Amino acid sequence: MRELAILRPRFGYERLHVLLRREGWRDGRNRVHRLYKLEGLQVRMRVRRRKRLSLHRGPALVPERLGQYWAMDFVHDQLDSGRGL
């Protein structure tokens, strides 16, 4: 069982149980789980990629007159007439 777990580190005890049954073992799933724990095996966690820190863009612009504002839309953008860009 340890050899299979080393060959396939992302397999848990249930998937190892299927592989062992194919090799001819007739032990139940509970026994495989008990042996899996006694061997100190566990599914290896995947290493997560770090998110890239966004660049500092500076202070937000201040509106210069009444009714002026800035907006950003990353999904889509459109003109005042409603036409898309």
C-alpha atoms as a PDB file:
ATOM      1  CA  MET A   1       0.000   0.000   0.000  1.00  0.00           C
ATOM      2  CA  ARG A   2       2.836   2.392   0.803  1.00  0.00           C
ATOM      3  CA  GLU A   3       4.335   1.868  -2.670  1.00  0.00           C
ATOM      4  CA  LEU A   4       1.030   2.732  -4.332  1.00  0.00           C
ATOM      5  CA  ALA A   5       0.625   5.789  -2.124  1.00  0.00           C
ATOM      6  CA  ILE A   6       4.119   6.995  -3.061  1.00  0.00           C
ATOM      7  CA  LEU A   7       3.449   6.446  -6.767  1.00  0.00           C
ATOM      8  CA  ARG A   8       0.122   8.279  -6.566  1.00  0.00           C
ATOM      9  CA  PRO A   9       0.319  10.973  -3.855  1.00  0.00           C
ATOM     10  CA  ARG A  10      -3.092  12.466  -4.729  1.00  0.00           C
ATOM     11  CA  PHE A  11      -4.935   9.182  -4.107  1.00  0.00           C
ATOM     12  CA  GLY A  12      -6.703   8.717  -0.797  1.00  0.00           C
ATOM     13  CA  TYR A  13      -7.417   5.412   0.916  1.00  0.00           C
ATOM     14  CA  GLU A  14     -10.595   4.787  -1.097  1.00  0.00           C
ATOM     15  CA  ARG A  15      -8.846   5.006  -4.459  1.00  0.00           C
ATOM     16  CA  LEU A  16      -5.964   2.945  -3.107  1.00  0.00           C
ATOM     17  CA  HIS A  17      -8.533   0.357  -2.008  1.00  0.00           C
ATOM     18  CA  VAL A  18      -9.718   0.064  -5.626  1.00  0.00           C
ATOM     19  CA  LEU A  19      -6.134  -0.417  -6.827  1.00  0.00           C
ATOM     20  CA  LEU A  20      -5.475  -3.033  -4.153  1.00  0.00           C
ATOM     21  CA  ARG A  21      -8.636  -4.936  -5.131  1.00  0.00           C
ATOM     22  CA  ARG A  22      -7.403  -5.005  -8.725  1.00  0.00           C
ATOM     23  CA  GLU A  23      -4.133  -6.537  -7.495  1.00  0.00           C
ATOM     24  CA  GLY A  24      -6.014  -9.290  -5.687  1.00  0.00           C
ATOM     25  CA  TRP A  25      -6.387  -8.025  -2.096  1.00  0.00           C
ATOM     26  CA  ARG A  26      -9.713  -8.954  -0.557  1.00  0.00           C
ATOM     27  CA  ASP A  27      -9.557  -6.665   2.485  1.00  0.00           C
ATOM     28  CA  GLY A  28     -12.445  -4.319   3.166  1.00  0.00           C
ATOM     29  CA  ARG A  29     -12.381  -0.577   2.886  1.00  0.00           C
ATOM     30  CA  ASN A  30     -12.391  -0.064   6.659  1.00  0.00           C
ATOM     31  CA  ARG A  31      -9.283  -2.213   7.066  1.00  0.00           C
ATOM     32  CA  VAL A  32      -7.530  -0.365   4.242  1.00  0.00           C
ATOM     33  CA  HIS A  33      -8.420   2.911   5.990  1.00  0.00           C
ATOM     34  CA  ARG A  34      -7.022   1.628   9.297  1.00  0.00           C
ATOM     35  CA  LEU A  35      -3.765   0.506   7.644  1.00  0.00           C
ATOM     36  CA  TYR A  36      -3.575   3.789   5.737  1.00  0.00           C
ATOM     37  CA  LYS A  37      -3.738   5.713   9.024  1.00  0.00           C
ATOM     38  CA  LEU A  38      -1.258   3.379  10.784  1.00  0.00           C
ATOM     39  CA  GLU A  39       1.260   3.970   7.983  1.00  0.00           C
ATOM     40  CA  GLY A  40       0.908   7.706   8.577  1.00  0.00           C
ATOM     41  CA  LEU A  41      -0.267   8.336   5.027  1.00  0.00           C
ATOM     42  CA  GLN A  42      -2.401  11.260   3.962  1.00  0.00           C
ATOM     43  CA  VAL A  43      -3.386  12.952   0.742  1.00  0.00           C
ATOM     44  CA  ARG A  44      -0.803  15.562  -0.177  1.00  0.00           C
ATOM     45  CA  MET A  45      -2.120  19.080  -0.319  1.00  0.00           C
ATOM     46  CA  ARG A  46      -1.565  20.988  -3.532  1.00  0.00           C
ATOM     47  CA  VAL A  47       0.605  24.064  -3.318  1.00  0.00           C
ATOM     48  CA  ARG A  48      -1.463  27.097  -4.162  1.00  0.00           C
ATOM     49  CA  ARG A  49      -0.035  29.746  -6.426  1.00  0.00           C
ATOM     50  CA  ARG A  50       0.416  33.115  -4.812  1.00  0.00           C
ATOM     51  CA  LYS A  51      -1.691  35.919  -6.156  1.00  0.00           C
ATOM     52  CA  ARG A  52       0.252  38.739  -7.704  1.00  0.00           C
ATOM     53  CA  LEU A  53      -0.008  41.942  -5.723  1.00  0.00           C
ATOM     54  CA  SER A  54      -1.520  44.718  -7.773  1.00  0.00           C
ATOM     55  CA  LEU A  55       0.632  47.716  -8.461  1.00  0.00           C
ATOM     56  CA  HIS A  56      -0.048  50.865  -6.504  1.00  0.00           C
ATOM     57  CA  ARG A  57      -1.870  53.154  -8.899  1.00  0.00           C
ATOM     58  CA  GLY A  58      -1.632  56.333  -6.847  1.00  0.00           C
ATOM     59  CA  PRO A  59      -4.396  58.320  -5.184  1.00  0.00           C
ATOM     60  CA  ALA A  60      -7.844  58.407  -6.772  1.00  0.00           C
ATOM     61  CA  LEU A  61      -8.644  61.448  -8.887  1.00  0.00           C
ATOM     62  CA  VAL A  62     -10.831  64.078  -7.265  1.00  0.00           C
ATOM     63  CA  PRO A  63     -13.814  65.351  -9.306  1.00  0.00           C
ATOM     64  CA  GLU A  64     -13.336  68.916 -10.489  1.00  0.00           C
ATOM     65  CA  ARG A  65     -17.000  69.908 -10.874  1.00  0.00           C
ATOM     66  CA  LEU A  66     -20.495  68.821  -9.884  1.00  0.00           C
ATOM     67  CA  GLY A  67     -21.702  65.595 -11.535  1.00  0.00           C
ATOM     68  CA  GLN A  68     -18.236  64.468 -12.585  1.00  0.00           C
ATOM     69  CA  TYR A  69     -17.115  61.015 -11.511  1.00  0.00           C
ATOM     70  CA  TRP A  70     -14.801  58.230 -12.637  1.00  0.00           C
ATOM     71  CA  ALA A  71     -15.911  54.665 -13.159  1.00  0.00           C
ATOM     72  CA  MET A  72     -14.188  51.487 -14.309  1.00  0.00           C
ATOM     73  CA  ASP A  73     -15.888  48.355 -15.590  1.00  0.00           C
ATOM     74  CA  PHE A  74     -13.688  45.374 -16.415  1.00  0.00           C
ATOM     75  CA  VAL A  75     -16.434  43.182 -17.872  1.00  0.00           C
ATOM     76  CA  HIS A  76     -17.584  45.543 -20.622  1.00  0.00           C
ATOM     77  CA  ASP A  77     -17.747  49.206 -21.398  1.00  0.00           C
ATOM     78  CA  GLN A  78     -20.170  51.379 -23.337  1.00  0.00           C
ATOM     79  CA  LEU A  79     -20.553  54.935 -24.537  1.00  0.00           C
ATOM     80  CA  ASP A  80     -23.157  57.430 -23.300  1.00  0.00           C
ATOM     81  CA  SER A  81     -25.312  56.498 -26.296  1.00  0.00           C
ATOM     82  CA  GLY A  82     -25.343  52.854 -25.140  1.00  0.00           C
ATOM     83  CA  ARG A  83     -23.119  51.549 -27.937  1.00  0.00           C
ATOM     84  CA  GLY A  84     -20.454  49.107 -26.845  1.00  0.00           C
ATOM     85  CA  LEU A  85     -16.767  49.657 -27.375  1.00  0.00           C
END
